[in-house]
Amino acid sequence: MGVVYHAHYLAYVEQGRTELLRSLGRSYRDVEDAGVLLVVVDVGLQFRRPAGYDDVLRVRTRLAQAKGPRLRFEYEIERVEDGALLATAHTTLATTDKTGRPIRPPPELVALLSDAAPGAADGKARTPPSVGEGSRSRGEPVR
């Protein structure tokens, strides 16, 4: 078919979230070391155009809402070559302690994510040439 398998988009949005934190000087490990787990409780994807194998993609990530123990992120996935919007997505993450009990996210984490400029977490990902193979940003192989 020559198009990216739909489930790969979930990995792209996860990478977008990870890169957002990293671009702000934090990592998921930092958050977890502080005793906070980020657990995905809802995901939505809307496909607009197909990505082809070996297309280089940009994932724009932003915190859309922080309410109680939930953080909602929104994403735009576009092809770098022509700027075409390929998909939009959202994820809702619950913040929990290490035992799995819901907790409010640390205010400094919410402030950090809220202050990020839209698109600050532009991460590039190369789409896989076949299911389960390919590369991500910076050309690392998918394992």
C-alpha atoms as a PDB file:
ATOM      1  CA  MET A   1       0.000   0.000   0.000  1.00  0.00           C
ATOM      2  CA  GLY A   2       2.871   2.402   0.617  1.00  0.00           C
ATOM      3  CA  VAL A   3       1.153   4.167   3.531  1.00  0.00           C
ATOM      4  CA  VAL A   4       1.944   4.160   7.224  1.00  0.00           C
ATOM      5  CA  TYR A   5       0.072   1.664   9.381  1.00  0.00           C
ATOM      6  CA  HIS A   6      -2.460   3.587  11.505  1.00  0.00           C
ATOM      7  CA  ALA A   7      -1.214   2.318  14.880  1.00  0.00           C
ATOM      8  CA  HIS A   8       2.196   3.947  14.306  1.00  0.00           C
ATOM      9  CA  TYR A   9       0.555   7.321  14.925  1.00  0.00           C
ATOM     10  CA  LEU A  10       0.209   6.377  18.610  1.00  0.00           C
ATOM     11  CA  ALA A  11       3.986   6.069  18.828  1.00  0.00           C
ATOM     12  CA  TYR A  12       4.337   9.434  17.073  1.00  0.00           C
ATOM     13  CA  VAL A  13       2.160  11.237  19.627  1.00  0.00           C
ATOM     14  CA  GLU A  14       3.984   9.568  22.500  1.00  0.00           C
ATOM     15  CA  GLN A  15       7.236  10.746  21.000  1.00  0.00           C
ATOM     16  CA  GLY A  16       5.745  14.242  20.676  1.00  0.00           C
ATOM     17  CA  ARG A  17       4.893  14.285  24.387  1.00  0.00           C
ATOM     18  CA  THR A  18       8.335  13.029  25.321  1.00  0.00           C
ATOM     19  CA  GLU A  19      10.036  15.618  23.121  1.00  0.00           C
ATOM     20  CA  LEU A  20       7.859  18.401  24.568  1.00  0.00           C
ATOM     21  CA  LEU A  21       9.119  17.600  28.054  1.00  0.00           C
ATOM     22  CA  ARG A  22      12.688  17.242  26.816  1.00  0.00           C
ATOM     23  CA  SER A  23      12.550  20.584  24.977  1.00  0.00           C
ATOM     24  CA  LEU A  24      11.541  22.182  28.289  1.00  0.00           C
ATOM     25  CA  GLY A  25      14.500  20.694  30.152  1.00  0.00           C
ATOM     26  CA  ARG A  26      12.667  17.762  31.774  1.00  0.00           C
ATOM     27  CA  SER A  27      12.253  14.109  30.948  1.00  0.00           C
ATOM     28  CA  TYR A  28       9.687  11.442  31.708  1.00  0.00           C
ATOM     29  CA  ARG A  29      12.271   9.906  34.011  1.00  0.00           C
ATOM     30  CA  ASP A  30      12.490  13.208  35.945  1.00  0.00           C
ATOM     31  CA  VAL A  31       8.720  13.193  36.386  1.00  0.00           C
ATOM     32  CA  GLU A  32       8.674   9.553  37.513  1.00  0.00           C
ATOM     33  CA  ASP A  33      11.634  10.081  39.846  1.00  0.00           C
ATOM     34  CA  ALA A  34       9.543  12.822  41.494  1.00  0.00           C
ATOM     35  CA  GLY A  35       6.912  10.147  42.262  1.00  0.00           C
ATOM     36  CA  VAL A  36       4.437  10.997  39.484  1.00  0.00           C
ATOM     37  CA  LEU A  37       3.306   8.527  36.828  1.00  0.00           C
ATOM     38  CA  LEU A  38       1.584   9.679  33.639  1.00  0.00           C
ATOM     39  CA  VAL A  39      -0.967   7.049  32.613  1.00  0.00           C
ATOM     40  CA  VAL A  40      -2.768   7.245  29.255  1.00  0.00           C
ATOM     41  CA  VAL A  41      -6.529   6.955  29.831  1.00  0.00           C
ATOM     42  CA  ASP A  42      -7.891   8.258  26.510  1.00  0.00           C
ATOM     43  CA  VAL A  43      -6.603   8.536  22.936  1.00  0.00           C
ATOM     44  CA  GLY A  44      -8.213   9.924  19.816  1.00  0.00           C
ATOM     45  CA  LEU A  45      -6.900  10.170  16.264  1.00  0.00           C
ATOM     46  CA  GLN A  46      -8.414  11.807  13.223  1.00  0.00           C
ATOM     47  CA  PHE A  47      -6.757  10.925   9.939  1.00  0.00           C
ATOM     48  CA  ARG A  48      -6.882  13.525   7.182  1.00  0.00           C
ATOM     49  CA  ARG A  49      -4.305  12.365   4.628  1.00  0.00           C
ATOM     50  CA  PRO A  50      -2.037   9.325   4.487  1.00  0.00           C
ATOM     51  CA  ALA A  51       1.663   9.469   5.317  1.00  0.00           C
ATOM     52  CA  GLY A  52       3.855   7.532   2.949  1.00  0.00           C
ATOM     53  CA  TYR A  53       6.788   5.343   3.851  1.00  0.00           C
ATOM     54  CA  ASP A  54       9.938   7.408   4.400  1.00  0.00           C
ATOM     55  CA  ASP A  55       8.003  10.680   4.761  1.00  0.00           C
ATOM     56  CA  VAL A  56       9.553  12.917   7.391  1.00  0.00           C
ATOM     57  CA  LEU A  57       6.862  14.026   9.840  1.00  0.00           C
ATOM     58  CA  ARG A  58       6.606  16.836  12.368  1.00  0.00           C
ATOM     59  CA  VAL A  59       4.536  16.345  15.517  1.00  0.00           C
ATOM     60  CA  ARG A  60       3.332  19.558  17.156  1.00  0.00           C
ATOM     61  CA  THR A  61       2.381  18.950  20.779  1.00  0.00           C
ATOM     62  CA  ARG A  62       0.704  21.180  23.323  1.00  0.00           C
ATOM     63  CA  LEU A  63      -0.939  20.884  26.701  1.00  0.00           C
ATOM     64  CA  ALA A  64      -4.577  21.768  26.027  1.00  0.00           C
ATOM     65  CA  GLN A  65      -6.010  21.305  29.525  1.00  0.00           C
ATOM     66  CA  ALA A  66      -4.983  20.473  33.081  1.00  0.00           C
ATOM     67  CA  LYS A  67      -7.983  19.621  35.223  1.00  0.00           C
ATOM     68  CA  GLY A  68      -7.731  17.701  38.473  1.00  0.00           C
ATOM     69  CA  PRO A  69      -5.497  14.676  37.978  1.00  0.00           C
ATOM     70  CA  ARG A  70      -5.838  14.803  34.168  1.00  0.00           C
ATOM     71  CA  LEU A  71      -3.665  16.358  31.507  1.00  0.00           C
ATOM     72  CA  ARG A  72      -5.013  16.613  27.954  1.00  0.00           C
ATOM     73  CA  PHE A  73      -2.500  16.987  25.144  1.00  0.00           C
ATOM     74  CA  GLU A  74      -3.322  17.840  21.535  1.00  0.00           C
ATOM     75  CA  TYR A  75      -1.205  17.028  18.505  1.00  0.00           C
ATOM     76  CA  GLU A  76      -0.894  17.942  14.854  1.00  0.00           C
ATOM     77  CA  ILE A  77       1.055  15.579  12.633  1.00  0.00           C
ATOM     78  CA  GLU A  78       2.246  17.070   9.379  1.00  0.00           C
ATOM     79  CA  ARG A  79       4.516  16.093   6.513  1.00  0.00           C
ATOM     80  CA  VAL A  80       7.628  18.289   6.574  1.00  0.00           C
ATOM     81  CA  GLU A  81       8.122  18.307   2.800  1.00  0.00           C
ATOM     82  CA  ASP A  82       4.871  20.101   1.959  1.00  0.00           C
ATOM     83  CA  GLY A  83       3.420  21.051   5.362  1.00  0.00           C
ATOM     84  CA  ALA A  84       0.315  18.929   4.750  1.00  0.00           C
ATOM     85  CA  LEU A  85      -1.699  18.207   7.898  1.00  0.00           C
ATOM     86  CA  LEU A  86      -1.972  14.421   8.000  1.00  0.00           C
ATOM     87  CA  ALA A  87      -3.639  13.814  11.354  1.00  0.00           C
ATOM     88  CA  THR A  88      -4.758  15.427  14.566  1.00  0.00           C
ATOM     89  CA  ALA A  89      -4.822  13.621  17.873  1.00  0.00           C
ATOM     90  CA  HIS A  90      -5.395  13.994  21.578  1.00  0.00           C
ATOM     91  CA  THR A  91      -4.392  12.042  24.639  1.00  0.00           C
ATOM     92  CA  THR A  92      -5.585  12.360  28.198  1.00  0.00           C
ATOM     93  CA  LEU A  93      -3.157  11.258  30.871  1.00  0.00           C
ATOM     94  CA  ALA A  94      -3.996  10.687  34.506  1.00  0.00           C
ATOM     95  CA  THR A  95      -1.360  11.643  37.028  1.00  0.00           C
ATOM     96  CA  THR A  96      -0.938   8.996  39.712  1.00  0.00           C
ATOM     97  CA  ASP A  97       1.437   8.219  42.517  1.00  0.00           C
ATOM     98  CA  LYS A  98       3.619   5.126  42.294  1.00  0.00           C
ATOM     99  CA  THR A  99       0.828   2.983  43.763  1.00  0.00           C
ATOM    100  CA  GLY A 100      -1.579   4.052  41.011  1.00  0.00           C
ATOM    101  CA  ARG A 101      -3.700   6.416  43.126  1.00  0.00           C
ATOM    102  CA  PRO A 102      -4.804   9.527  41.205  1.00  0.00           C
ATOM    103  CA  ILE A 103      -3.077  12.716  42.334  1.00  0.00           C
ATOM    104  CA  ARG A 104      -3.035  16.277  41.081  1.00  0.00           C
ATOM    105  CA  PRO A 105      -0.024  16.960  38.887  1.00  0.00           C
ATOM    106  CA  PRO A 106       2.690  19.022  40.555  1.00  0.00           C
ATOM    107  CA  PRO A 107       1.955  22.724  39.915  1.00  0.00           C
ATOM    108  CA  GLU A 108       5.479  23.242  38.563  1.00  0.00           C
ATOM    109  CA  LEU A 109       4.873  20.551  35.906  1.00  0.00           C
ATOM    110  CA  VAL A 110       1.586  22.140  34.825  1.00  0.00           C
ATOM    111  CA  ALA A 111       3.220  25.582  34.730  1.00  0.00           C
ATOM    112  CA  LEU A 112       6.144  24.255  32.694  1.00  0.00           C
ATOM    113  CA  LEU A 113       3.851  22.598  30.140  1.00  0.00           C
ATOM    114  CA  SER A 114       1.398  25.510  30.043  1.00  0.00           C
ATOM    115  CA  ASP A 115       4.135  28.068  29.397  1.00  0.00           C
ATOM    116  CA  ALA A 116       5.487  26.153  26.411  1.00  0.00           C
ATOM    117  CA  ALA A 117       4.913  28.003  23.175  1.00  0.00           C
ATOM    118  CA  PRO A 118       2.613  26.132  20.776  1.00  0.00           C
ATOM    119  CA  GLY A 119       4.755  23.979  18.564  1.00  0.00           C
ATOM    120  CA  ALA A 120       7.720  24.154  20.946  1.00  0.00           C
ATOM    121  CA  ALA A 121       7.925  20.388  20.836  1.00  0.00           C
ATOM    122  CA  ASP A 122       8.290  19.986  17.111  1.00  0.00           C
ATOM    123  CA  GLY A 123       9.827  16.571  16.786  1.00  0.00           C
ATOM    124  CA  LYS A 124      10.614  14.957  13.474  1.00  0.00           C
ATOM    125  CA  ALA A 125       9.914  11.325  12.837  1.00  0.00           C
ATOM    126  CA  ARG A 126      10.605   9.322   9.713  1.00  0.00           C
ATOM    127  CA  THR A 127       7.811   6.947   8.890  1.00  0.00           C
ATOM    128  CA  PRO A 128       8.653   3.252   8.779  1.00  0.00           C
ATOM    129  CA  PRO A 129       9.313   1.597   5.417  1.00  0.00           C
ATOM    130  CA  SER A 130       7.360  -1.418   6.633  1.00  0.00           C
ATOM    131  CA  VAL A 131       5.429  -2.417   9.717  1.00  0.00           C
ATOM    132  CA  GLY A 132       7.723  -2.658  12.726  1.00  0.00           C
ATOM    133  CA  GLU A 133      10.773  -1.241  10.925  1.00  0.00           C
ATOM    134  CA  GLY A 134      12.021   2.265  10.317  1.00  0.00           C
ATOM    135  CA  SER A 135      13.426   5.184  12.179  1.00  0.00           C
ATOM    136  CA  ARG A 136      12.362   7.994  14.468  1.00  0.00           C
ATOM    137  CA  SER A 137      13.797  11.449  15.023  1.00  0.00           C
ATOM    138  CA  ARG A 138      17.552  11.668  14.637  1.00  0.00           C
ATOM    139  CA  GLY A 139      17.472   8.395  12.700  1.00  0.00           C
ATOM    140  CA  GLU A 140      17.432   5.972  15.619  1.00  0.00           C
ATOM    141  CA  PRO A 141      16.168   2.548  14.556  1.00  0.00           C
ATOM    142  CA  VAL A 142      12.878   1.311  15.935  1.00  0.00           C
ATOM    143  CA  ARG A 143      13.439  -1.629  18.249  1.00  0.00           C
END
